[in-house]
PDB file of N, CA and C in Angstrom:
ATOM      1  N   MET A   1     190.614 249.040 184.622  1.00  0.00           N
ATOM      2  CA  MET A   1     191.982 249.626 185.108  1.00  0.00           C
ATOM      3  C   MET A   1     192.239 249.007 186.634  1.00  0.00           C
ATOM      4  N   ARG A   2     193.292 248.637 186.619  1.00  0.00           N
ATOM      5  CA  ARG A   2     193.648 247.963 188.220  1.00  0.00           C
ATOM      6  C   ARG A   2     194.925 248.861 188.719  1.00  0.00           C
ATOM      7  N   PHE A   3     194.517 249.275 189.992  1.00  0.00           N
ATOM      8  CA  PHE A   3     195.487 250.056 191.121  1.00  0.00           C
ATOM      9  C   PHE A   3     196.077 248.897 191.956  1.00  0.00           C
ATOM     10  N   LEU A   4     197.289 248.610 191.933  1.00  0.00           N
ATOM     11  CA  LEU A   4     198.129 247.841 192.727  1.00  0.00           C
ATOM     12  C   LEU A   4     198.183 248.493 194.456  1.00  0.00           C
ATOM     13  N   GLY A   5     197.543 247.575 195.012  1.00  0.00           N
ATOM     14  CA  GLY A   5     197.773 247.935 196.478  1.00  0.00           C
ATOM     15  C   GLY A   5     196.500 248.908 197.050  1.00  0.00           C
ATOM     16  N   VAL A   6     195.400 249.092 195.965  1.00  0.00           N
ATOM     17  CA  VAL A   6     194.372 249.995 196.366  1.00  0.00           C
ATOM     18  C   VAL A   6     192.969 249.676 196.600  1.00  0.00           C
ATOM     19  N   SER A   7     192.019 250.095 197.373  1.00  0.00           N
ATOM     20  CA  SER A   7     191.096 249.594 197.587  1.00  0.00           C
ATOM     21  C   SER A   7     190.226 249.633 196.346  1.00  0.00           C
ATOM     22  N   THR A   8     189.362 248.685 195.815  1.00  0.00           N
ATOM     23  CA  THR A   8     188.902 248.896 194.648  1.00  0.00           C
ATOM     24  C   THR A   8     187.530 249.579 194.806  1.00  0.00           C
ATOM     25  N   SER A   9     187.029 249.398 195.912  1.00  0.00           N
ATOM     26  CA  SER A   9     185.766 250.241 196.499  1.00  0.00           C
ATOM     27  C   SER A   9     185.970 251.855 196.284  1.00  0.00           C
ATOM     28  N   ALA A  10     187.336 252.440 196.572  1.00  0.00           N
ATOM     29  CA  ALA A  10     187.569 253.447 196.329  1.00  0.00           C
ATOM     30  C   ALA A  10     187.546 254.118 194.757  1.00  0.00           C
ATOM     31  N   VAL A  11     188.256 253.161 193.968  1.00  0.00           N
ATOM     32  CA  VAL A  11     187.989 253.562 192.370  1.00  0.00           C
ATOM     33  C   VAL A  11     186.876 253.430 191.849  1.00  0.00           C
ATOM     34  N   ASN A  12     186.088 252.399 192.227  1.00  0.00           N
ATOM     35  CA  ASN A  12     184.643 252.000 191.923  1.00  0.00           C
ATOM     36  C   ASN A  12     183.503 253.175 192.185  1.00  0.00           C
ATOM     37  N   ARG A  13     183.846 253.785 193.303  1.00  0.00           N
ATOM     38  CA  ARG A  13     182.853 254.820 193.662  1.00  0.00           C
ATOM     39  C   ARG A  13     182.965 256.286 193.302  1.00  0.00           C
ATOM     40  N   ALA A  14     184.265 256.315 192.703  1.00  0.00           N
ATOM     41  CA  ALA A  14     184.758 257.786 192.458  1.00  0.00           C
ATOM     42  C   ALA A  14     183.829 258.282 190.986  1.00  0.00           C
ATOM     43  N   THR A  15     183.853 259.433 190.928  1.00  0.00           N
ATOM     44  CA  THR A  15     182.969 259.720 189.785  1.00  0.00           C
ATOM     45  C   THR A  15     183.731 260.156 188.586  1.00  0.00           C
ATOM     46  N   ASP A  16     185.079 260.493 188.560  1.00  0.00           N
ATOM     47  CA  ASP A  16     185.803 260.460 187.478  1.00  0.00           C
ATOM     48  C   ASP A  16     187.190 260.025 187.798  1.00  0.00           C
ATOM     49  N   PHE A  17     187.849 259.829 186.855  1.00  0.00           N
ATOM     50  CA  PHE A  17     189.565 259.417 187.078  1.00  0.00           C
ATOM     51  C   PHE A  17     190.227 260.031 188.377  1.00  0.00           C
ATOM     52  N   GLY A  18     190.216 261.232 187.852  1.00  0.00           N
ATOM     53  CA  GLY A  18     190.954 262.281 188.877  1.00  0.00           C
ATOM     54  C   GLY A  18     190.453 261.980 190.585  1.00  0.00           C
ATOM     55  N   ASP A  19     189.275 261.965 190.718  1.00  0.00           N
ATOM     56  CA  ASP A  19     188.585 261.554 191.899  1.00  0.00           C
ATOM     57  C   ASP A  19     188.989 260.211 192.483  1.00  0.00           C
ATOM     58  N   ALA A  20     189.159 259.369 191.194  1.00  0.00           N
ATOM     59  CA  ALA A  20     189.362 257.898 191.698  1.00  0.00           C
ATOM     60  C   ALA A  20     191.068 257.758 192.213  1.00  0.00           C
ATOM     61  N   ILE A  21     191.825 258.797 191.589  1.00  0.00           N
ATOM     62  CA  ILE A  21     193.251 258.623 192.043  1.00  0.00           C
ATOM     63  C   ILE A  21     193.031 259.263 193.295  1.00  0.00           C
ATOM     64  N   VAL A  22     192.553 260.117 193.517  1.00  0.00           N
ATOM     65  CA  VAL A  22     192.704 260.984 194.937  1.00  0.00           C
ATOM     66  C   VAL A  22     192.129 259.993 195.942  1.00  0.00           C
ATOM     67  N   ALA A  23     191.000 259.422 195.760  1.00  0.00           N
ATOM     68  CA  ALA A  23     190.580 258.455 196.796  1.00  0.00           C
ATOM     69  C   ALA A  23     191.524 257.301 196.871  1.00  0.00           C
ATOM     70  N   SER A  24     191.815 256.786 195.976  1.00  0.00           N
ATOM     71  CA  SER A  24     192.985 255.789 196.016  1.00  0.00           C
ATOM     72  C   SER A  24     194.217 255.964 196.766  1.00  0.00           C
ATOM     73  N   LEU A  25     194.653 257.338 196.600  1.00  0.00           N
ATOM     74  CA  LEU A  25     195.818 257.572 197.489  1.00  0.00           C
ATOM     75  C   LEU A  25     195.745 257.812 199.021  1.00  0.00           C
ATOM     76  N   GLY A  26     194.289 258.496 199.060  1.00  0.00           N
ATOM     77  CA  GLY A  26     193.664 258.635 200.402  1.00  0.00           C
ATOM     78  C   GLY A  26     193.594 257.457 201.310  1.00  0.00           C
ATOM     79  N   SER A  27     193.246 256.294 200.645  1.00  0.00           N
ATOM     80  CA  SER A  27     193.212 254.679 201.568  1.00  0.00           C
ATOM     81  C   SER A  27     194.664 254.370 201.290  1.00  0.00           C
ATOM     82  N   VAL A  28     195.379 254.532 200.557  1.00  0.00           N
ATOM     83  CA  VAL A  28     196.676 253.879 200.689  1.00  0.00           C
ATOM     84  C   VAL A  28     197.466 254.736 201.750  1.00  0.00           C
ATOM     85  N   TYR A  29     197.411 255.787 201.750  1.00  0.00           N
ATOM     86  CA  TYR A  29     198.306 256.684 202.888  1.00  0.00           C
ATOM     87  C   TYR A  29     197.721 256.970 204.339  1.00  0.00           C
ATOM     88  N   LYS A  30     197.584 256.161 205.132  1.00  0.00           N
ATOM     89  CA  LYS A  30     196.951 256.251 206.221  1.00  0.00           C
ATOM     90  C   LYS A  30     197.423 257.665 206.972  1.00  0.00           C
ATOM     91  N   GLY A  31     196.344 258.285 207.615  1.00  0.00           N
ATOM     92  CA  GLY A  31     196.800 259.407 208.204  1.00  0.00           C
ATOM     93  C   GLY A  31     196.382 260.611 207.460  1.00  0.00           C
ATOM     94  N   SER A  32     196.392 260.411 206.218  1.00  0.00           N
ATOM     95  CA  SER A  32     196.239 261.642 205.482  1.00  0.00           C
ATOM     96  C   SER A  32     194.726 262.248 205.508  1.00  0.00           C
ATOM     97  N   VAL A  33     194.864 263.481 205.024  1.00  0.00           N
ATOM     98  CA  VAL A  33     193.483 263.901 204.860  1.00  0.00           C
ATOM     99  C   VAL A  33     193.379 264.952 203.609  1.00  0.00           C
ATOM    100  N   ILE A  34     192.234 264.455 203.092  1.00  0.00           N
ATOM    101  CA  ILE A  34     191.922 264.891 201.740  1.00  0.00           C
ATOM    102  C   ILE A  34     191.095 266.165 201.827  1.00  0.00           C
ATOM    103  N   LEU A  35     191.688 267.144 201.069  1.00  0.00           N
ATOM    104  CA  LEU A  35     190.804 268.491 201.269  1.00  0.00           C
ATOM    105  C   LEU A  35     190.259 268.761 199.426  1.00  0.00           C
ATOM    106  N   THR A  36     188.958 269.202 199.705  1.00  0.00           N
ATOM    107  CA  THR A  36     188.327 269.584 198.531  1.00  0.00           C
ATOM    108  C   THR A  36     187.175 270.297 198.565  1.00  0.00           C
ATOM    109  N   PHE A  37     186.851 271.185 197.473  1.00  0.00           N
ATOM    110  CA  PHE A  37     185.587 271.890 197.687  1.00  0.00           C
ATOM    111  C   PHE A  37     184.528 271.410 196.981  1.00  0.00           C
ATOM    112  N   ASP A  38     184.349 270.104 196.315  1.00  0.00           N
ATOM    113  CA  ASP A  38     183.753 269.430 195.689  1.00  0.00           C
ATOM    114  C   ASP A  38     182.549 268.549 196.537  1.00  0.00           C
ATOM    115  N   LEU A  39     181.414 269.161 196.856  1.00  0.00           N
ATOM    116  CA  LEU A  39     180.498 268.607 197.627  1.00  0.00           C
ATOM    117  C   LEU A  39     180.237 267.146 197.484  1.00  0.00           C
ATOM    118  N   LYS A  40     180.132 266.885 196.184  1.00  0.00           N
ATOM    119  CA  LYS A  40     179.813 265.355 195.363  1.00  0.00           C
ATOM    120  C   LYS A  40     180.847 264.363 196.149  1.00  0.00           C
ATOM    121  N   PHE A  41     182.066 264.878 195.728  1.00  0.00           N
ATOM    122  CA  PHE A  41     183.199 264.165 195.912  1.00  0.00           C
ATOM    123  C   PHE A  41     183.227 263.918 197.855  1.00  0.00           C
ATOM    124  N   ILE A  42     183.074 265.019 198.417  1.00  0.00           N
ATOM    125  CA  ILE A  42     183.192 264.992 199.784  1.00  0.00           C
ATOM    126  C   ILE A  42     182.022 263.799 200.328  1.00  0.00           C
ATOM    127  N   HIS A  43     181.092 263.682 199.710  1.00  0.00           N
ATOM    128  CA  HIS A  43     180.043 262.868 200.198  1.00  0.00           C
ATOM    129  C   HIS A  43     180.525 261.335 199.860  1.00  0.00           C
ATOM    130  N   THR A  44     180.935 261.198 198.822  1.00  0.00           N
ATOM    131  CA  THR A  44     181.443 259.997 198.212  1.00  0.00           C
ATOM    132  C   THR A  44     182.890 259.362 199.346  1.00  0.00           C
ATOM    133  N   LEU A  45     183.603 260.263 199.563  1.00  0.00           N
ATOM    134  CA  LEU A  45     184.838 260.068 200.670  1.00  0.00           C
ATOM    135  C   LEU A  45     184.275 259.696 201.852  1.00  0.00           C
ATOM    136  N   LYS A  46     183.232 260.324 202.487  1.00  0.00           N
ATOM    137  CA  LYS A  46     182.549 259.750 203.641  1.00  0.00           C
ATOM    138  C   LYS A  46     182.073 258.767 203.525  1.00  0.00           C
ATOM    139  N   LYS A  47     181.391 258.114 202.382  1.00  0.00           N
ATOM    140  CA  LYS A  47     180.887 256.929 202.221  1.00  0.00           C
ATOM    141  C   LYS A  47     181.739 255.995 202.337  1.00  0.00           C
ATOM    142  N   LEU A  48     183.100 256.262 201.675  1.00  0.00           N
ATOM    143  CA  LEU A  48     184.170 255.123 201.940  1.00  0.00           C
ATOM    144  C   LEU A  48     185.005 255.189 203.291  1.00  0.00           C
ATOM    145  N   GLY A  49     184.501 256.277 203.836  1.00  0.00           N
ATOM    146  CA  GLY A  49     185.268 256.213 205.497  1.00  0.00           C
ATOM    147  C   GLY A  49     186.728 257.026 205.287  1.00  0.00           C
ATOM    148  N   LEU A  50     186.900 257.708 204.609  1.00  0.00           N
ATOM    149  CA  LEU A  50     188.031 258.567 204.180  1.00  0.00           C
ATOM    150  C   LEU A  50     187.938 259.683 204.568  1.00  0.00           C
ATOM    151  N   PRO A  51     189.069 260.319 205.637  1.00  0.00           N
ATOM    152  CA  PRO A  51     189.160 261.705 206.166  1.00  0.00           C
ATOM    153  C   PRO A  51     189.142 262.835 205.033  1.00  0.00           C
ATOM    154  N   VAL A  52     188.263 263.704 205.254  1.00  0.00           N
ATOM    155  CA  VAL A  52     187.926 264.865 204.372  1.00  0.00           C
ATOM    156  C   VAL A  52     187.666 265.970 205.201  1.00  0.00           C
ATOM    157  N   GLU A  53     188.130 267.207 204.420  1.00  0.00           N
ATOM    158  CA  GLU A  53     187.796 268.469 204.778  1.00  0.00           C
ATOM    159  C   GLU A  53     187.478 269.573 203.811  1.00  0.00           C
ATOM    160  N   LYS A  54     186.360 270.062 203.946  1.00  0.00           N
ATOM    161  CA  LYS A  54     186.156 271.087 203.003  1.00  0.00           C
ATOM    162  C   LYS A  54     186.844 272.356 202.760  1.00  0.00           C
ATOM    163  N   GLN A  55     187.521 272.842 202.023  1.00  0.00           N
ATOM    164  CA  GLN A  55     188.293 274.026 201.902  1.00  0.00           C
ATOM    165  C   GLN A  55     187.577 275.138 200.994  1.00  0.00           C
TER     166      GLN A  55
END
């Protein structure tokens, strides 16, 4: 699957399709912060260098 204008590393490292969409949008919209309670997803987002907060 190809996401136009989206970092492929964000899509490739996400654990499921929903996570891939959120990570992709987080990389496209600069200045955004991703809120999640999923600790595995938080770890993935931090590895990608995306801003994340645990809720």
